[in-house]
PDB file of N, CA and C in Angstrom:
ATOM      1  N   MET A   1     143.094  96.843 102.930  1.00  0.00           N
ATOM      2  CA  MET A   1     142.967  95.980 101.773  1.00  0.00           C
ATOM      3  C   MET A   1     144.074  96.306 100.773  1.00  0.00           C
ATOM      4  N   ALA A   2     144.778  95.299 100.307  1.00  0.00           N
ATOM      5  CA  ALA A   2     145.880  95.502  99.371  1.00  0.00           C
ATOM      6  C   ALA A   2     145.348  95.761  97.967  1.00  0.00           C
ATOM      7  N   THR A   3     146.021  96.638  97.256  1.00  0.00           N
ATOM      8  CA  THR A   3     145.653  96.928  95.879  1.00  0.00           C
ATOM      9  C   THR A   3     146.347  95.926  94.968  1.00  0.00           C
ATOM     10  N   VAL A   4     145.576  95.325  94.066  1.00  0.00           N
ATOM     11  CA  VAL A   4     146.131  94.378  93.111  1.00  0.00           C
ATOM     12  C   VAL A   4     146.143  95.042  91.751  1.00  0.00           C
ATOM     13  N   MET A   5     147.300  95.132  91.159  1.00  0.00           N
ATOM     14  CA  MET A   5     147.420  95.745  89.842  1.00  0.00           C
ATOM     15  C   MET A   5     147.217  94.680  88.770  1.00  0.00           C
ATOM     16  N   ALA A   6     146.248  94.914  87.912  1.00  0.00           N
ATOM     17  CA  ALA A   6     145.995  93.987  86.820  1.00  0.00           C
ATOM     18  C   ALA A   6     147.029  94.216  85.721  1.00  0.00           C
ATOM     19  N   ARG A   7     147.482  93.145  85.137  1.00  0.00           N
ATOM     20  CA  ARG A   7     148.409  93.280  84.015  1.00  0.00           C
ATOM     21  C   ARG A   7     147.604  93.552  82.748  1.00  0.00           C
ATOM     22  N   PRO A   8     148.144  94.361  81.848  1.00  0.00           N
ATOM     23  CA  PRO A   8     147.404  94.630  80.621  1.00  0.00           C
ATOM     24  C   PRO A   8     147.381  93.411  79.706  1.00  0.00           C
ATOM     25  N   THR A   9     146.341  93.321  78.912  1.00  0.00           N
ATOM     26  CA  THR A   9     146.257  92.244  77.926  1.00  0.00           C
ATOM     27  C   THR A   9     147.151  92.606  76.752  1.00  0.00           C
ATOM     28  N   ARG A  10     147.970  91.634  76.348  1.00  0.00           N
ATOM     29  CA  ARG A  10     148.885  91.851  75.227  1.00  0.00           C
ATOM     30  C   ARG A  10     148.699  90.764  74.187  1.00  0.00           C
ATOM     31  N   SER A  11     149.254  90.973  73.028  1.00  0.00           N
ATOM     32  CA  SER A  11     149.209  89.982  71.958  1.00  0.00           C
ATOM     33  C   SER A  11     150.399  89.029  72.080  1.00  0.00           C
ATOM     34  N   LEU A  12     150.240  87.852  71.523  1.00  0.00           N
ATOM     35  CA  LEU A  12     151.367  86.908  71.456  1.00  0.00           C
ATOM     36  C   LEU A  12     152.540  87.522  70.700  1.00  0.00           C
ATOM     37  N   GLU A  13     152.233  88.399  69.766  1.00  0.00           N
ATOM     38  CA  GLU A  13     153.302  89.056  69.012  1.00  0.00           C
ATOM     39  C   GLU A  13     154.134  89.963  69.909  1.00  0.00           C
ATOM     40  N   ASP A  14     153.525  90.534  70.945  1.00  0.00           N
ATOM     41  CA  ASP A  14     154.296  91.330  71.914  1.00  0.00           C
ATOM     42  C   ASP A  14     155.302  90.440  72.638  1.00  0.00           C
ATOM     43  N   PHE A  15     154.833  89.261  73.055  1.00  0.00           N
ATOM     44  CA  PHE A  15     155.725  88.318  73.737  1.00  0.00           C
ATOM     45  C   PHE A  15     156.852  87.870  72.803  1.00  0.00           C
ATOM     46  N   ARG A  16     156.511  87.564  71.551  1.00  0.00           N
ATOM     47  CA  ARG A  16     157.522  87.112  70.571  1.00  0.00           C
ATOM     48  C   ARG A  16     158.564  88.201  70.338  1.00  0.00           C
ATOM     49  N   SER A  17     158.092  89.431  70.207  1.00  0.00           N
ATOM     50  CA  SER A  17     158.998  90.552  69.969  1.00  0.00           C
ATOM     51  C   SER A  17     159.976  90.725  71.133  1.00  0.00           C
ATOM     52  N   GLU A  18     159.476  90.571  72.356  1.00  0.00           N
ATOM     53  CA  GLU A  18     160.346  90.691  73.537  1.00  0.00           C
ATOM     54  C   GLU A  18     161.449  89.642  73.544  1.00  0.00           C
ATOM     55  N   GLN A  19     161.145  88.461  73.015  1.00  0.00           N
ATOM     56  CA  GLN A  19     162.121  87.371  72.995  1.00  0.00           C
ATOM     57  C   GLN A  19     163.013  87.409  71.755  1.00  0.00           C
ATOM     58  N   MET A  20     162.705  88.333  70.837  1.00  0.00           N
ATOM     59  CA  MET A  20     163.466  88.484  69.591  1.00  0.00           C
ATOM     60  C   MET A  20     163.583  87.167  68.830  1.00  0.00           C
ATOM     61  N   MET A  21     162.444  86.468  68.713  1.00  0.00           N
ATOM     62  CA  MET A  21     162.411  85.183  68.009  1.00  0.00           C
ATOM     63  C   MET A  21     161.700  85.338  66.674  1.00  0.00           C
ATOM     64  N   SER A  22     162.119  84.522  65.723  1.00  0.00           N
ATOM     65  CA  SER A  22     161.426  84.472  64.437  1.00  0.00           C
ATOM     66  C   SER A  22     160.099  83.754  64.635  1.00  0.00           C
ATOM     67  N   LEU A  23     159.221  83.829  63.642  1.00  0.00           N
ATOM     68  CA  LEU A  23     157.953  83.091  63.713  1.00  0.00           C
ATOM     69  C   LEU A  23     158.198  81.604  63.880  1.00  0.00           C
ATOM     70  N   GLU A  24     159.163  81.097  63.152  1.00  0.00           N
ATOM     71  CA  GLU A  24     159.483  79.665  63.225  1.00  0.00           C
ATOM     72  C   GLU A  24     159.952  79.280  64.641  1.00  0.00           C
ATOM     73  N   GLU A  25     160.870  80.060  65.209  1.00  0.00           N
ATOM     74  CA  GLU A  25     161.379  79.771  66.557  1.00  0.00           C
ATOM     75  C   GLU A  25     160.261  79.873  67.603  1.00  0.00           C
ATOM     76  N   TRP A  26     159.463  80.925  67.483  1.00  0.00           N
ATOM     77  CA  TRP A  26     158.420  81.178  68.474  1.00  0.00           C
ATOM     78  C   TRP A  26     157.333  80.106  68.447  1.00  0.00           C
ATOM     79  N   SER A  27     156.884  79.757  67.253  1.00  0.00           N
ATOM     80  CA  SER A  27     155.834  78.736  67.158  1.00  0.00           C
ATOM     81  C   SER A  27     156.351  77.393  67.663  1.00  0.00           C
ATOM     82  N   LYS A  28     157.598  77.077  67.382  1.00  0.00           N
ATOM     83  CA  LYS A  28     158.193  75.838  67.889  1.00  0.00           C
ATOM     84  C   LYS A  28     158.290  75.882  69.417  1.00  0.00           C
ATOM     85  N   TYR A  29     158.695  77.016  69.967  1.00  0.00           N
ATOM     86  CA  TYR A  29     158.779  77.184  71.417  1.00  0.00           C
ATOM     87  C   TYR A  29     157.406  76.967  72.070  1.00  0.00           C
ATOM     88  N   LEU A  30     156.352  77.456  71.418  1.00  0.00           N
ATOM     89  CA  LEU A  30     154.996  77.310  71.959  1.00  0.00           C
ATOM     90  C   LEU A  30     154.404  75.924  71.697  1.00  0.00           C
ATOM     91  N   GLY A  31     155.107  75.104  70.924  1.00  0.00           N
ATOM     92  CA  GLY A  31     154.644  73.740  70.683  1.00  0.00           C
ATOM     93  C   GLY A  31     153.603  73.618  69.598  1.00  0.00           C
ATOM     94  N   MET A  32     153.722  74.446  68.557  1.00  0.00           N
ATOM     95  CA  MET A  32     152.765  74.383  67.449  1.00  0.00           C
ATOM     96  C   MET A  32     153.472  74.702  66.147  1.00  0.00           C
ATOM     97  N   THR A  33     152.790  74.440  65.059  1.00  0.00           N
ATOM     98  CA  THR A  33     153.356  74.761  63.754  1.00  0.00           C
ATOM     99  C   THR A  33     153.217  76.261  63.508  1.00  0.00           C
ATOM    100  N   GLU A  34     153.978  76.744  62.552  1.00  0.00           N
ATOM    101  CA  GLU A  34     153.896  78.153  62.178  1.00  0.00           C
ATOM    102  C   GLU A  34     152.492  78.476  61.664  1.00  0.00           C
ATOM    103  N   GLN A  35     151.917  77.552  60.914  1.00  0.00           N
ATOM    104  CA  GLN A  35     150.565  77.747  60.366  1.00  0.00           C
ATOM    105  C   GLN A  35     149.544  77.892  61.508  1.00  0.00           C
ATOM    106  N   THR A  36     149.660  77.038  62.520  1.00  0.00           N
ATOM    107  CA  THR A  36     148.738  77.128  63.661  1.00  0.00           C
ATOM    108  C   THR A  36     148.930  78.444  64.398  1.00  0.00           C
ATOM    109  N   TYR A  37     150.182  78.871  64.546  1.00  0.00           N
ATOM    110  CA  TYR A  37     150.444  80.137  65.222  1.00  0.00           C
ATOM    111  C   TYR A  37     149.805  81.298  64.464  1.00  0.00           C
ATOM    112  N   ARG A  38     149.959  81.306  63.148  1.00  0.00           N
ATOM    113  CA  ARG A  38     149.358  82.375  62.339  1.00  0.00           C
ATOM    114  C   ARG A  38     147.829  82.362  62.475  1.00  0.00           C
ATOM    115  N   ARG A  39     147.248  81.162  62.524  1.00  0.00           N
ATOM    116  CA  ARG A  39     145.802  81.033  62.705  1.00  0.00           C
ATOM    117  C   ARG A  39     145.386  81.554  64.085  1.00  0.00           C
ATOM    118  N   LEU A  40     146.207  81.280  65.077  1.00  0.00           N
ATOM    119  CA  LEU A  40     145.940  81.753  66.433  1.00  0.00           C
ATOM    120  C   LEU A  40     145.900  83.285  66.482  1.00  0.00           C
ATOM    121  N   LEU A  41     146.746  83.929  65.695  1.00  0.00           N
ATOM    122  CA  LEU A  41     146.757  85.385  65.642  1.00  0.00           C
ATOM    123  C   LEU A  41     145.534  85.957  64.934  1.00  0.00           C
ATOM    124  N   THR A  42     145.086  85.290  63.885  1.00  0.00           N
ATOM    125  CA  THR A  42     143.993  85.842  63.082  1.00  0.00           C
ATOM    126  C   THR A  42     142.610  85.329  63.471  1.00  0.00           C
ATOM    127  N   ASP A  43     142.530  84.088  63.972  1.00  0.00           N
ATOM    128  CA  ASP A  43     141.235  83.492  64.326  1.00  0.00           C
ATOM    129  C   ASP A  43     141.414  82.558  65.519  1.00  0.00           C
ATOM    130  N   PRO A  44     141.611  83.118  66.713  1.00  0.00           N
ATOM    131  CA  PRO A  44     141.913  82.296  67.891  1.00  0.00           C
ATOM    132  C   PRO A  44     140.890  81.195  68.178  1.00  0.00           C
ATOM    133  N   GLN A  45     139.626  81.427  67.843  1.00  0.00           N
ATOM    134  CA  GLN A  45     138.592  80.430  68.131  1.00  0.00           C
ATOM    135  C   GLN A  45     138.730  79.176  67.271  1.00  0.00           C
ATOM    136  N   SER A  46     139.503  79.258  66.187  1.00  0.00           N
ATOM    137  CA  SER A  46     139.675  78.091  65.318  1.00  0.00           C
ATOM    138  C   SER A  46     140.778  77.151  65.800  1.00  0.00           C
ATOM    139  N   VAL A  47     141.528  77.561  66.812  1.00  0.00           N
ATOM    140  CA  VAL A  47     142.634  76.745  67.341  1.00  0.00           C
ATOM    141  C   VAL A  47     142.134  75.945  68.537  1.00  0.00           C
ATOM    142  N   ARG A  48     142.501  74.671  68.573  1.00  0.00           N
ATOM    143  CA  ARG A  48     142.055  73.774  69.643  1.00  0.00           C
ATOM    144  C   ARG A  48     142.448  74.301  71.020  1.00  0.00           C
ATOM    145  N   PRO A  49     141.539  74.176  71.988  1.00  0.00           N
ATOM    146  CA  PRO A  49     141.844  74.629  73.350  1.00  0.00           C
ATOM    147  C   PRO A  49     143.116  73.995  73.926  1.00  0.00           C
ATOM    148  N   ALA A  50     143.356  72.726  73.631  1.00  0.00           N
ATOM    149  CA  ALA A  50     144.562  72.064  74.162  1.00  0.00           C
ATOM    150  C   ALA A  50     145.829  72.740  73.647  1.00  0.00           C
ATOM    151  N   THR A  51     145.817  73.179  72.408  1.00  0.00           N
ATOM    152  CA  THR A  51     146.974  73.864  71.819  1.00  0.00           C
ATOM    153  C   THR A  51     147.191  75.199  72.517  1.00  0.00           C
ATOM    154  N   LYS A  52     146.108  75.921  72.751  1.00  0.00           N
ATOM    155  CA  LYS A  52     146.216  77.215  73.442  1.00  0.00           C
ATOM    156  C   LYS A  52     146.659  77.025  74.895  1.00  0.00           C
ATOM    157  N   ARG A  53     146.144  75.995  75.553  1.00  0.00           N
ATOM    158  CA  ARG A  53     146.548  75.734  76.948  1.00  0.00           C
ATOM    159  C   ARG A  53     148.035  75.440  77.044  1.00  0.00           C
ATOM    160  N   ARG A  54     148.535  74.618  76.120  1.00  0.00           N
ATOM    161  CA  ARG A  54     149.958  74.264  76.132  1.00  0.00           C
ATOM    162  C   ARG A  54     150.815  75.523  75.939  1.00  0.00           C
ATOM    163  N   ALA A  55     150.416  76.375  75.010  1.00  0.00           N
ATOM    164  CA  ALA A  55     151.169  77.610  74.773  1.00  0.00           C
ATOM    165  C   ALA A  55     151.089  78.530  75.989  1.00  0.00           C
ATOM    166  N   ARG A  56     149.917  78.605  76.602  1.00  0.00           N
ATOM    167  CA  ARG A  56     149.748  79.440  77.795  1.00  0.00           C
ATOM    168  C   ARG A  56     150.623  78.936  78.937  1.00  0.00           C
ATOM    169  N   GLU A  57     150.718  77.622  79.072  1.00  0.00           N
ATOM    170  CA  GLU A  57     151.577  77.041  80.110  1.00  0.00           C
ATOM    171  C   GLU A  57     153.046  77.359  79.853  1.00  0.00           C
ATOM    172  N   MET A  58     153.441  77.354  78.589  1.00  0.00           N
ATOM    173  CA  MET A  58     154.833  77.699  78.262  1.00  0.00           C
ATOM    174  C   MET A  58     155.150  79.148  78.665  1.00  0.00           C
ATOM    175  N   LEU A  59     154.164  80.025  78.516  1.00  0.00           N
ATOM    176  CA  LEU A  59     154.360  81.437  78.850  1.00  0.00           C
ATOM    177  C   LEU A  59     154.084  81.730  80.324  1.00  0.00           C
ATOM    178  N   ASN A  60     153.435  80.784  81.002  1.00  0.00           N
ATOM    179  CA  ASN A  60     153.094  80.935  82.417  1.00  0.00           C
ATOM    180  C   ASN A  60     152.278  82.216  82.659  1.00  0.00           C
ATOM    181  N   VAL A  61     151.168  82.337  81.907  1.00  0.00           N
ATOM    182  CA  VAL A  61     150.307  83.511  82.015  1.00  0.00           C
ATOM    183  C   VAL A  61     148.849  83.095  82.184  1.00  0.00           C
ATOM    184  N   SER A  62     148.050  84.011  82.686  1.00  0.00           N
ATOM    185  CA  SER A  62     146.605  83.833  82.753  1.00  0.00           C
ATOM    186  C   SER A  62     146.040  84.032  81.350  1.00  0.00           C
ATOM    187  N   PRO A  63     144.925  83.379  81.024  1.00  0.00           N
ATOM    188  CA  PRO A  63     144.340  83.611  79.702  1.00  0.00           C
ATOM    189  C   PRO A  63     143.892  85.061  79.524  1.00  0.00           C
ATOM    190  N   TYR A  64     143.689  85.776  80.624  1.00  0.00           N
ATOM    191  CA  TYR A  64     143.259  87.169  80.546  1.00  0.00           C
ATOM    192  C   TYR A  64     144.411  88.120  80.225  1.00  0.00           C
ATOM    193  N   GLU A  65     145.631  87.617  80.205  1.00  0.00           N
ATOM    194  CA  GLU A  65     146.792  88.458  79.921  1.00  0.00           C
ATOM    195  C   GLU A  65     147.203  88.433  78.457  1.00  0.00           C
ATOM    196  N   VAL A  66     146.632  87.494  77.680  1.00  0.00           N
ATOM    197  CA  VAL A  66     147.029  87.350  76.279  1.00  0.00           C
ATOM    198  C   VAL A  66     145.773  87.442  75.409  1.00  0.00           C
ATOM    199  N   ARG A  67     145.766  88.418  74.517  1.00  0.00           N
ATOM    200  CA  ARG A  67     144.579  88.673  73.689  1.00  0.00           C
ATOM    201  C   ARG A  67     144.073  87.416  72.986  1.00  0.00           C
ATOM    202  N   GLU A  68     144.965  86.615  72.453  1.00  0.00           N
ATOM    203  CA  GLU A  68     144.546  85.436  71.695  1.00  0.00           C
ATOM    204  C   GLU A  68     144.001  84.318  72.589  1.00  0.00           C
ATOM    205  N   PHE A  69     144.242  84.385  73.897  1.00  0.00           N
ATOM    206  CA  PHE A  69     143.736  83.377  74.833  1.00  0.00           C
ATOM    207  C   PHE A  69     142.512  83.862  75.598  1.00  0.00           C
ATOM    208  N   TYR A  70     142.202  85.151  75.487  1.00  0.00           N
ATOM    209  CA  TYR A  70     141.123  85.738  76.275  1.00  0.00           C
ATOM    210  C   TYR A  70     139.810  85.025  75.955  1.00  0.00           C
ATOM    211  N   PRO A  71     139.119  84.514  76.971  1.00  0.00           N
ATOM    212  CA  PRO A  71     137.868  83.795  76.720  1.00  0.00           C
ATOM    213  C   PRO A  71     136.795  84.705  76.117  1.00  0.00           C
ATOM    214  N   ILE A  72     136.079  84.188  75.134  1.00  0.00           N
ATOM    215  CA  ILE A  72     134.985  84.926  74.520  1.00  0.00           C
ATOM    216  C   ILE A  72     133.748  84.747  75.397  1.00  0.00           C
ATOM    217  N   PRO A  73     133.113  85.854  75.837  1.00  0.00           N
ATOM    218  CA  PRO A  73     131.928  85.704  76.684  1.00  0.00           C
ATOM    219  C   PRO A  73     130.758  85.114  75.893  1.00  0.00           C
ATOM    220  N   SER A  74     129.900  84.407  76.597  1.00  0.00           N
ATOM    221  CA  SER A  74     128.733  83.788  75.958  1.00  0.00           C
ATOM    222  C   SER A  74     127.754  84.878  75.523  1.00  0.00           C
ATOM    223  N   PRO A  75     126.902  84.583  74.535  1.00  0.00           N
ATOM    224  CA  PRO A  75     125.885  85.554  74.120  1.00  0.00           C
ATOM    225  C   PRO A  75     124.994  85.987  75.297  1.00  0.00           C
ATOM    226  N   THR A  76     124.704  85.076  76.214  1.00  0.00           N
ATOM    227  CA  THR A  76     123.883  85.408  77.383  1.00  0.00           C
ATOM    228  C   THR A  76     124.579  86.445  78.249  1.00  0.00           C
ATOM    229  N   ARG A  77     125.876  86.253  78.469  1.00  0.00           N
ATOM    230  CA  ARG A  77     126.624  87.199  79.295  1.00  0.00           C
ATOM    231  C   ARG A  77     126.740  88.561  78.612  1.00  0.00           C
ATOM    232  N   VAL A  78     126.936  88.568  77.306  1.00  0.00           N
ATOM    233  CA  VAL A  78     127.013  89.828  76.566  1.00  0.00           C
ATOM    234  C   VAL A  78     125.674  90.557  76.650  1.00  0.00           C
ATOM    235  N   ALA A  79     124.569  89.824  76.452  1.00  0.00           N
ATOM    236  CA  ALA A  79     123.235  90.432  76.517  1.00  0.00           C
ATOM    237  C   ALA A  79     122.976  91.027  77.901  1.00  0.00           C
ATOM    238  N   ALA A  80     123.382  90.324  78.963  1.00  0.00           N
ATOM    239  CA  ALA A  80     123.185  90.831  80.325  1.00  0.00           C
ATOM    240  C   ALA A  80     124.001  92.101  80.551  1.00  0.00           C
ATOM    241  N   ALA A  81     125.225  92.142  80.044  1.00  0.00           N
ATOM    242  CA  ALA A  81     126.069  93.326  80.211  1.00  0.00           C
ATOM    243  C   ALA A  81     125.490  94.517  79.454  1.00  0.00           C
ATOM    244  N   VAL A  82     125.010  94.285  78.244  1.00  0.00           N
ATOM    245  CA  VAL A  82     124.404  95.367  77.451  1.00  0.00           C
ATOM    246  C   VAL A  82     123.146  95.884  78.145  1.00  0.00           C
ATOM    247  N   ALA A  83     122.319  94.969  78.672  1.00  0.00           N
ATOM    248  CA  ALA A  83     121.101  95.379  79.380  1.00  0.00           C
ATOM    249  C   ALA A  83     121.449  96.210  80.611  1.00  0.00           C
ATOM    250  N   ALA A  84     122.467  95.791  81.373  1.00  0.00           N
ATOM    251  CA  ALA A  84     122.876  96.540  82.566  1.00  0.00           C
ATOM    252  C   ALA A  84     123.407  97.921  82.182  1.00  0.00           C
ATOM    253  N   TYR A  85     124.146  98.003  81.097  1.00  0.00           N
ATOM    254  CA  TYR A  85     124.682  99.270  80.625  1.00  0.00           C
ATOM    255  C   TYR A  85     123.550 100.214  80.234  1.00  0.00           C
ATOM    256  N   ARG A  86     122.568  99.686  79.490  1.00  0.00           N
ATOM    257  CA  ARG A  86     121.422 100.510  79.084  1.00  0.00           C
ATOM    258  C   ARG A  86     120.614 100.979  80.296  1.00  0.00           C
ATOM    259  N   LYS A  87     120.434 100.096  81.273  1.00  0.00           N
ATOM    260  CA  LYS A  87     119.704 100.451  82.487  1.00  0.00           C
ATOM    261  C   LYS A  87     120.448 101.560  83.240  1.00  0.00           C
ATOM    262  N   GLY A  88     121.761 101.436  83.339  1.00  0.00           N
ATOM    263  CA  GLY A  88     122.560 102.465  83.995  1.00  0.00           C
ATOM    264  C   GLY A  88     122.438 103.802  83.305  1.00  0.00           C
ATOM    265  N   ASN A  89     122.467 103.804  81.988  1.00  0.00           N
ATOM    266  CA  ASN A  89     122.333 105.058  81.253  1.00  0.00           C
ATOM    267  C   ASN A  89     120.945 105.660  81.430  1.00  0.00           C
ATOM    268  N   ALA A  90     119.914 104.814  81.526  1.00  0.00           N
ATOM    269  CA  ALA A  90     118.541 105.299  81.673  1.00  0.00           C
ATOM    270  C   ALA A  90     118.247 105.760  83.101  1.00  0.00           C
ATOM    271  N   GLU A  91     118.696 105.001  84.090  1.00  0.00           N
ATOM    272  CA  GLU A  91     118.355 105.273  85.484  1.00  0.00           C
ATOM    273  C   GLU A  91     119.449 106.004  86.253  1.00  0.00           C
ATOM    274  N   GLY A  92     120.651 105.984  85.755  1.00  0.00           N
ATOM    275  CA  GLY A  92     121.771 106.630  86.417  1.00  0.00           C
ATOM    276  C   GLY A  92     122.771 105.625  86.962  1.00  0.00           C
ATOM    277  N   TRP A  93     123.998 106.108  87.129  1.00  0.00           N
ATOM    278  CA  TRP A  93     125.105 105.296  87.627  1.00  0.00           C
ATOM    279  C   TRP A  93     125.430 105.740  89.042  1.00  0.00           C
ATOM    280  N   ILE A  94     125.506 104.782  89.946  1.00  0.00           N
ATOM    281  CA  ILE A  94     125.787 105.088  91.350  1.00  0.00           C
ATOM    282  C   ILE A  94     127.299 105.204  91.530  1.00  0.00           C
ATOM    283  N   ALA A  95     127.728 106.358  92.039  1.00  0.00           N
ATOM    284  CA  ALA A  95     129.158 106.577  92.284  1.00  0.00           C
ATOM    285  C   ALA A  95     129.576 105.833  93.555  1.00  0.00           C
ATOM    286  N   THR A  96     130.800 105.328  93.557  1.00  0.00           N
ATOM    287  CA  THR A  96     131.341 104.658  94.737  1.00  0.00           C
ATOM    288  C   THR A  96     132.689 105.259  95.092  1.00  0.00           C
ATOM    289  N   ASP A  97     133.024 105.162  96.362  1.00  0.00           N
ATOM    290  CA  ASP A  97     134.312 105.636  96.846  1.00  0.00           C
ATOM    291  C   ASP A  97     135.396 104.705  96.319  1.00  0.00           C
ATOM    292  N   PRO A  98     136.434 105.231  95.674  1.00  0.00           N
ATOM    293  CA  PRO A  98     137.474 104.362  95.107  1.00  0.00           C
ATOM    294  C   PRO A  98     138.262 103.571  96.145  1.00  0.00           C
ATOM    295  N   GLU A  99     138.323 104.072  97.366  1.00  0.00           N
ATOM    296  CA  GLU A  99     139.067 103.381  98.418  1.00  0.00           C
ATOM    297  C   GLU A  99     138.270 102.246  99.045  1.00  0.00           C
ATOM    298  N   THR A 100     136.995 102.515  99.320  1.00  0.00           N
ATOM    299  CA  THR A 100     136.184 101.538 100.062  1.00  0.00           C
ATOM    300  C   THR A 100     135.212 100.765  99.191  1.00  0.00           C
ATOM    301  N   GLY A 101     134.861 101.318  98.032  1.00  0.00           N
ATOM    302  CA  GLY A 101     133.861 100.685  97.180  1.00  0.00           C
ATOM    303  C   GLY A 101     132.435 100.969  97.632  1.00  0.00           C
ATOM    304  N   GLU A 102     132.289 101.760  98.690  1.00  0.00           N
ATOM    305  CA  GLU A 102     130.957 102.091  99.225  1.00  0.00           C
ATOM    306  C   GLU A 102     130.307 103.188  98.384  1.00  0.00           C
ATOM    307  N   PRO A 103     128.957 103.158  98.231  1.00  0.00           N
ATOM    308  CA  PRO A 103     128.258 104.223  97.493  1.00  0.00           C
ATOM    309  C   PRO A 103     128.471 105.587  98.151  1.00  0.00           C
ATOM    310  N   THR A 104     128.620 106.628  97.323  1.00  0.00           N
ATOM    311  CA  THR A 104     128.844 107.981  97.836  1.00  0.00           C
ATOM    312  C   THR A 104     127.551 108.769  97.972  1.00  0.00           C
ATOM    313  N   GLY A 105     126.452 108.267  97.386  1.00  0.00           N
ATOM    314  CA  GLY A 105     125.191 109.004  97.401  1.00  0.00           C
ATOM    315  C   GLY A 105     124.989 109.819  96.135  1.00  0.00           C
ATOM    316  N   GLU A 106     125.979 109.830  95.268  1.00  0.00           N
ATOM    317  CA  GLU A 106     125.863 110.559  94.001  1.00  0.00           C
ATOM    318  C   GLU A 106     125.410 109.612  92.903  1.00  0.00           C
ATOM    319  N   ILE A 107     124.572 110.137  92.001  1.00  0.00           N
ATOM    320  CA  ILE A 107     124.130 109.361  90.839  1.00  0.00           C
ATOM    321  C   ILE A 107     124.387 110.216  89.602  1.00  0.00           C
ATOM    322  N   PHE A 108     125.031 109.620  88.614  1.00  0.00           N
ATOM    323  CA  PHE A 108     125.390 110.322  87.385  1.00  0.00           C
ATOM    324  C   PHE A 108     124.643 109.730  86.199  1.00  0.00           C
ATOM    325  N   ASP A 109     124.375 110.581  85.195  1.00  0.00           N
ATOM    326  CA  ASP A 109     123.748 110.058  83.979  1.00  0.00           C
ATOM    327  C   ASP A 109     124.809 109.428  83.080  1.00  0.00           C
ATOM    328  N   GLY A 110     124.390 108.927  81.925  1.00  0.00           N
ATOM    329  CA  GLY A 110     125.301 108.257  80.994  1.00  0.00           C
ATOM    330  C   GLY A 110     126.372 109.154  80.419  1.00  0.00           C
ATOM    331  N   GLU A 111     126.194 110.478  80.553  1.00  0.00           N
ATOM    332  CA  GLU A 111     127.187 111.432  80.063  1.00  0.00           C
ATOM    333  C   GLU A 111     128.132 111.898  81.160  1.00  0.00           C
ATOM    334  N   GLY A 112     127.913 111.400  82.395  1.00  0.00           N
ATOM    335  CA  GLY A 112     128.768 111.784  83.510  1.00  0.00           C
ATOM    336  C   GLY A 112     128.314 113.018  84.263  1.00  0.00           C
ATOM    337  N   ARG A 113     127.096 113.478  83.968  1.00  0.00           N
ATOM    338  CA  ARG A 113     126.551 114.646  84.677  1.00  0.00           C
ATOM    339  C   ARG A 113     125.857 114.191  85.952  1.00  0.00           C
ATOM    340  N   LEU A 114     126.057 114.953  87.024  1.00  0.00           N
ATOM    341  CA  LEU A 114     125.443 114.642  88.304  1.00  0.00           C
ATOM    342  C   LEU A 114     123.921 114.762  88.195  1.00  0.00           C
ATOM    343  N   MET A 115     123.214 113.692  88.603  1.00  0.00           N
ATOM    344  CA  MET A 115     121.751 113.692  88.588  1.00  0.00           C
ATOM    345  C   MET A 115     121.208 113.933  89.991  1.00  0.00           C
ATOM    346  N   GLU A 116     121.807 113.258  90.976  1.00  0.00           N
ATOM    347  CA  GLU A 116     121.374 113.353  92.370  1.00  0.00           C
ATOM    348  C   GLU A 116     122.599 113.296  93.258  1.00  0.00           C
ATOM    349  N   GLY A 117     122.437 113.808  94.459  1.00  0.00           N
ATOM    350  CA  GLY A 117     123.512 113.692  95.434  1.00  0.00           C
ATOM    351  C   GLY A 117     124.113 115.009  95.794  1.00  0.00           C
ATOM    352  N   GLU A 118     125.276 114.930  96.374  1.00  0.00           N
ATOM    353  CA  GLU A 118     125.948 116.100  96.940  1.00  0.00           C
ATOM    354  C   GLU A 118     126.313 117.140  95.939  1.00  0.00           C
TER     355      GLU A 118
END
């Protein structure tokens, strides 16, 4: 199985800095006004999805690679993740082999101490 390296999430300002563009040049390149770009940096949810999609297409990136485009999880999904985390801390975390993903038989508590297993 091939290993896929995930790219880190970065800010639009990281991309702008790499291109050595002013705010005016960068916002124009992304197809938006400077005001919209500033809003995108401070309150991404207030910017229309079509505007963000157009900018993402210009950069040719996944929404998961740019902090301002990263999808906000639904309250239901957040609640499920928190519940799973609490359950893991209460009942233990099952260790898996990093190569195969198969369980190793070890169970650790929320502090990383071995509870059961080898």
